[in-house]
Protein backbone atom coordinates (compact mmCIF):
# COMPACT_ATOMS: atom_id res chain seq x y z
CA MET A 1 42.86 -94.89 96.33
CA GLN A 2 41.35 -96.04 93.05
CA PRO A 3 42.75 -99.19 91.35
CA ASN A 4 43.89 -97.14 88.34
CA ASP A 5 45.74 -94.75 90.66
CA LYS A 6 47.63 -97.68 92.18
CA THR A 7 48.40 -99.09 88.75
CA MET A 8 49.87 -95.77 87.65
CA GLU A 9 51.99 -95.57 90.80
CA PHE A 10 53.22 -99.13 90.28
CA MET A 11 54.13 -98.33 86.68
CA GLN A 12 56.06 -95.25 87.81
CA ILE A 13 58.01 -97.43 90.24
CA ALA A 14 58.71 -99.97 87.50
CA MET A 15 59.86 -97.28 85.07
CA LYS A 16 62.16 -95.82 87.72
CA HIS A 17 63.96 -99.18 87.90
CA MET A 18 63.78 -99.94 84.17
CA PRO A 19 67.30 -98.67 83.34
CA GLU A 20 68.80 -101.11 85.84
CA ALA A 21 66.69 -103.97 84.50
CA LYS A 22 67.61 -103.09 80.91
CA GLN A 23 71.30 -103.01 81.78
CA GLN A 24 71.11 -106.43 83.40
CA LEU A 25 69.21 -107.86 80.45
CA ASP A 26 71.70 -106.30 78.00
CA GLU A 27 74.59 -107.85 79.93
CA ALA A 28 72.82 -111.21 79.73
CA GLY A 29 72.41 -110.79 75.98
CA ILE A 30 68.62 -110.43 76.16
CA GLU A 31 67.08 -107.80 73.94
CA LEU A 32 64.26 -105.78 75.51
CA SER A 33 61.32 -104.42 73.52
CA MET A 34 58.00 -102.92 74.56
CA GLU A 35 56.19 -105.92 73.05
CA MET A 36 58.26 -108.29 75.16
CA ILE A 37 57.88 -106.29 78.35
CA GLN A 38 54.07 -105.95 78.35
CA PRO A 39 53.30 -109.41 79.81
CA PHE A 40 55.87 -108.80 82.56
CA MET A 41 54.38 -105.40 83.35
CA ASN A 42 50.96 -107.03 83.69
CA LEU A 43 52.44 -109.59 86.07
CA PHE A 44 54.25 -106.84 87.99
CA THR A 45 50.95 -104.96 88.39
CA LYS A 46 49.20 -108.09 89.73
CA VAL A 47 52.01 -108.71 92.22
CA MET A 48 52.04 -105.10 93.38
CA ASN A 49 48.23 -105.03 93.78
CA GLU A 50 48.36 -108.19 95.89
CA ALA A 51 51.22 -106.81 98.00
CA TYR A 52 49.32 -103.55 98.48
CA GLU A 53 46.19 -105.39 99.62
CA MET A 54 48.25 -107.50 102.05
CA GLY A 55 49.85 -104.39 103.51
CA LYS A 56 46.48 -102.67 103.77
CA ALA A 57 44.96 -105.68 105.58
CA ASP A 58 47.93 -105.79 107.98
CA ALA A 59 47.56 -102.08 108.73
CA LEU A 60 43.83 -102.49 109.41
CA LYS A 61 44.54 -105.40 111.79
CA GLU A 62 47.06 -103.30 113.70
CA ASN A 63 44.53 -100.48 114.09
CA GLU A 64 41.81 -102.72 115.56
């Protein structure tokens, strides 16, 4: 899987959960805008890439 493919999948996952996140932020009185969310999406992508690589390494170890 290409890195861009993973990034797109991670973004799809994030967008699937965005309504819940927006509701929680609204309830906390925090306004959400695309400008505000970009740094968090970048962080989310880094976390998901690292988690993916950890899972991949674990799977390779199990198959040895």
